[in-house]
Amino acid sequence: MTSPDAPPLIPEKWVTCPQCGGPSLYAASNKFRPFCCERCKQIDLGAWASEQFAVPAQPGPDDGLSQAH
């Protein structure tokens, strides 16, 4: 039994690493969360930096693609 002054116990939460698919502890003690390790975090960062995760967008009416009359 815990004392009334003790903080409530928080169960461990495990998630799937978005990079390798392995288990990853989602807690403040895992400084790479939601990734399982620094390597997975760096791989993901590199993919973002090289625009591999770019969101496709439709050109808008002001994108300069229309012909000027």
N, C-alpha and C. Protein backbone atom coordinates (compact mmCIF):
# COMPACT_ATOMS: atom_id res chain seq x y z
N MET A 1 0.84 -1.18 0.00
CA MET A 1 0.00 0.00 0.00
C MET A 1 0.89 1.25 0.00
N THR A 2 0.49 2.29 -0.74
CA THR A 2 1.29 3.51 -0.81
C THR A 2 0.81 4.50 0.24
N SER A 3 1.69 5.40 0.61
CA SER A 3 1.32 6.42 1.59
C SER A 3 0.46 7.48 0.91
N PRO A 4 -0.35 8.22 1.68
CA PRO A 4 -1.23 9.22 1.08
C PRO A 4 -0.45 10.36 0.40
N ASP A 5 0.80 10.59 0.80
CA ASP A 5 1.59 11.67 0.21
C ASP A 5 2.35 11.24 -1.04
N ALA A 6 2.37 9.95 -1.33
CA ALA A 6 3.12 9.45 -2.49
C ALA A 6 2.37 9.78 -3.78
N PRO A 7 3.11 10.13 -4.83
CA PRO A 7 2.44 10.39 -6.11
C PRO A 7 1.82 9.10 -6.64
N PRO A 8 0.77 9.21 -7.43
CA PRO A 8 0.14 8.01 -7.96
C PRO A 8 1.09 7.25 -8.89
N LEU A 9 0.99 5.94 -8.88
CA LEU A 9 1.81 5.13 -9.77
C LEU A 9 1.28 5.22 -11.19
N ILE A 10 2.16 5.46 -12.12
CA ILE A 10 1.79 5.55 -13.53
C ILE A 10 2.32 4.30 -14.22
N PRO A 11 1.44 3.52 -14.84
CA PRO A 11 1.92 2.31 -15.51
C PRO A 11 2.80 2.67 -16.70
N GLU A 12 3.75 1.79 -17.01
CA GLU A 12 4.61 2.01 -18.17
C GLU A 12 3.78 1.93 -19.44
N LYS A 13 4.09 2.79 -20.38
CA LYS A 13 3.39 2.78 -21.66
C LYS A 13 4.42 2.47 -22.75
N TRP A 14 4.17 1.39 -23.45
CA TRP A 14 5.05 0.98 -24.54
C TRP A 14 4.34 1.26 -25.85
N VAL A 15 5.07 1.85 -26.79
CA VAL A 15 4.53 2.13 -28.12
C VAL A 15 5.46 1.51 -29.16
N THR A 16 5.02 1.52 -30.38
CA THR A 16 5.84 1.02 -31.49
C THR A 16 6.70 2.16 -32.00
N CYS A 17 8.00 1.92 -32.12
CA CYS A 17 8.92 2.93 -32.66
C CYS A 17 8.49 3.22 -34.10
N PRO A 18 8.27 4.50 -34.44
CA PRO A 18 7.83 4.81 -35.80
C PRO A 18 8.88 4.52 -36.88
N GLN A 19 10.12 4.35 -36.50
CA GLN A 19 11.17 4.10 -37.48
C GLN A 19 11.40 2.61 -37.71
N CYS A 20 11.68 1.86 -36.64
CA CYS A 20 12.05 0.45 -36.81
C CYS A 20 10.93 -0.52 -36.48
N GLY A 21 9.87 -0.05 -35.82
CA GLY A 21 8.76 -0.91 -35.48
C GLY A 21 8.96 -1.70 -34.20
N GLY A 22 10.08 -1.49 -33.51
CA GLY A 22 10.34 -2.19 -32.26
C GLY A 22 9.64 -1.51 -31.10
N PRO A 23 9.70 -2.12 -29.93
CA PRO A 23 9.07 -1.53 -28.75
C PRO A 23 9.85 -0.31 -28.25
N SER A 24 9.12 0.69 -27.80
CA SER A 24 9.73 1.90 -27.29
C SER A 24 8.97 2.36 -26.06
N LEU A 25 9.69 2.61 -24.96
CA LEU A 25 9.07 3.09 -23.74
C LEU A 25 8.71 4.56 -23.92
N TYR A 26 7.42 4.87 -23.78
CA TYR A 26 6.97 6.25 -23.92
C TYR A 26 6.88 6.85 -22.52
N ALA A 27 8.02 7.38 -22.08
CA ALA A 27 8.11 7.96 -20.73
C ALA A 27 9.21 9.00 -20.73
N ALA A 28 9.19 9.86 -19.73
CA ALA A 28 10.19 10.92 -19.62
C ALA A 28 11.60 10.34 -19.52
N SER A 29 11.72 9.13 -19.05
CA SER A 29 13.05 8.51 -18.93
C SER A 29 13.65 8.14 -20.29
N ASN A 30 12.83 8.07 -21.34
CA ASN A 30 13.33 7.78 -22.69
C ASN A 30 13.43 9.10 -23.45
N LYS A 31 14.64 9.66 -23.50
CA LYS A 31 14.81 10.98 -24.12
C LYS A 31 14.63 10.96 -25.63
N PHE A 32 14.47 9.79 -26.22
CA PHE A 32 14.27 9.68 -27.67
C PHE A 32 12.81 9.42 -28.03
N ARG A 33 11.92 9.39 -27.04
CA ARG A 33 10.53 9.03 -27.31
C ARG A 33 9.93 9.88 -28.41
N PRO A 34 9.14 9.41 -29.29
CA PRO A 34 8.55 8.08 -29.33
C PRO A 34 9.46 7.03 -29.97
N PHE A 35 10.69 7.41 -30.29
CA PHE A 35 11.62 6.46 -30.89
C PHE A 35 12.27 5.61 -29.81
N CYS A 36 12.79 4.46 -30.21
CA CYS A 36 13.39 3.55 -29.23
C CYS A 36 14.84 3.92 -28.90
N CYS A 37 15.51 4.64 -29.81
CA CYS A 37 16.91 4.97 -29.58
C CYS A 37 17.30 6.19 -30.41
N GLU A 38 18.50 6.69 -30.16
CA GLU A 38 18.99 7.87 -30.88
C GLU A 38 19.11 7.60 -32.38
N ARG A 39 19.53 6.40 -32.74
CA ARG A 39 19.70 6.05 -34.16
C ARG A 39 18.38 6.21 -34.92
N CYS A 40 17.29 5.67 -34.38
CA CYS A 40 15.99 5.77 -35.04
C CYS A 40 15.54 7.23 -35.13
N LYS A 41 15.80 8.00 -34.08
CA LYS A 41 15.42 9.41 -34.09
C LYS A 41 16.20 10.17 -35.18
N GLN A 42 17.49 9.88 -35.31
CA GLN A 42 18.32 10.56 -36.31
C GLN A 42 17.93 10.15 -37.74
N ILE A 43 17.59 8.89 -37.95
CA ILE A 43 17.15 8.45 -39.27
C ILE A 43 15.89 9.21 -39.67
N ASP A 44 14.95 9.34 -38.73
CA ASP A 44 13.70 10.04 -39.00
C ASP A 44 13.96 11.53 -39.27
N LEU A 45 14.83 12.14 -38.48
CA LEU A 45 15.18 13.54 -38.70
C LEU A 45 15.80 13.74 -40.07
N GLY A 46 16.68 12.83 -40.49
CA GLY A 46 17.28 12.92 -41.82
C GLY A 46 16.26 12.82 -42.93
N ALA A 47 15.26 11.97 -42.74
CA ALA A 47 14.20 11.84 -43.75
C ALA A 47 13.40 13.13 -43.87
N TRP A 48 13.11 13.77 -42.73
CA TRP A 48 12.41 15.05 -42.78
C TRP A 48 13.28 16.12 -43.45
N ALA A 49 14.56 16.15 -43.11
CA ALA A 49 15.46 17.16 -43.66
C ALA A 49 15.62 17.03 -45.17
N SER A 50 15.56 15.80 -45.67
CA SER A 50 15.70 15.59 -47.11
C SER A 50 14.34 15.58 -47.82
N GLU A 51 13.31 16.00 -47.10
CA GLU A 51 11.95 16.15 -47.62
C GLU A 51 11.33 14.85 -48.14
N GLN A 52 11.73 13.72 -47.56
CA GLN A 52 11.11 12.45 -47.91
C GLN A 52 9.69 12.35 -47.36
N PHE A 53 9.36 13.17 -46.37
CA PHE A 53 8.03 13.16 -45.78
C PHE A 53 7.20 14.35 -46.24
N ALA A 54 7.51 14.91 -47.38
CA ALA A 54 6.78 16.08 -47.88
C ALA A 54 5.32 15.71 -48.14
N VAL A 55 4.43 16.62 -47.79
CA VAL A 55 3.01 16.41 -48.02
C VAL A 55 2.67 16.95 -49.40
N PRO A 56 2.10 16.11 -50.28
CA PRO A 56 1.75 16.60 -51.61
C PRO A 56 0.63 17.63 -51.50
N ALA A 57 0.72 18.65 -52.31
CA ALA A 57 -0.28 19.71 -52.28
C ALA A 57 -0.73 20.04 -53.70
N GLN A 58 -1.97 20.43 -53.81
CA GLN A 58 -2.50 20.88 -55.09
C GLN A 58 -2.10 22.34 -55.28
N PRO A 59 -1.69 22.72 -56.49
CA PRO A 59 -1.34 24.13 -56.71
C PRO A 59 -2.58 25.01 -56.54
N GLY A 60 -2.37 26.14 -55.88
CA GLY A 60 -3.47 27.08 -55.67
C GLY A 60 -3.62 28.02 -56.85
N PRO A 61 -4.67 28.83 -56.86
CA PRO A 61 -4.90 29.75 -57.99
C PRO A 61 -3.84 30.85 -58.09
N ASP A 62 -3.12 31.13 -57.04
CA ASP A 62 -2.11 32.19 -57.05
C ASP A 62 -0.69 31.66 -57.14
N ASP A 63 -0.49 30.43 -57.61
CA ASP A 63 0.83 29.84 -57.70
C ASP A 63 1.58 30.20 -58.98
N GLY A 64 1.03 31.11 -59.79
CA GLY A 64 1.70 31.53 -61.01
C GLY A 64 1.63 30.53 -62.13
N LEU A 65 0.75 29.57 -62.07
CA LEU A 65 0.64 28.57 -63.12
C LEU A 65 -0.36 28.95 -64.20
N SER A 66 -1.17 29.97 -63.95
CA SER A 66 -2.16 30.37 -64.96
C SER A 66 -1.50 31.31 -65.97
N GLN A 67 -2.03 31.33 -67.17
CA GLN A 67 -1.53 32.19 -68.24
C GLN A 67 -2.04 33.61 -68.04
N ALA A 68 -1.17 34.57 -68.17
CA ALA A 68 -1.59 35.98 -68.10
C ALA A 68 -2.17 36.38 -69.45
N HIS A 69 -3.28 37.12 -69.45
CA HIS A 69 -3.91 37.53 -70.70
C HIS A 69 -3.55 38.93 -71.04
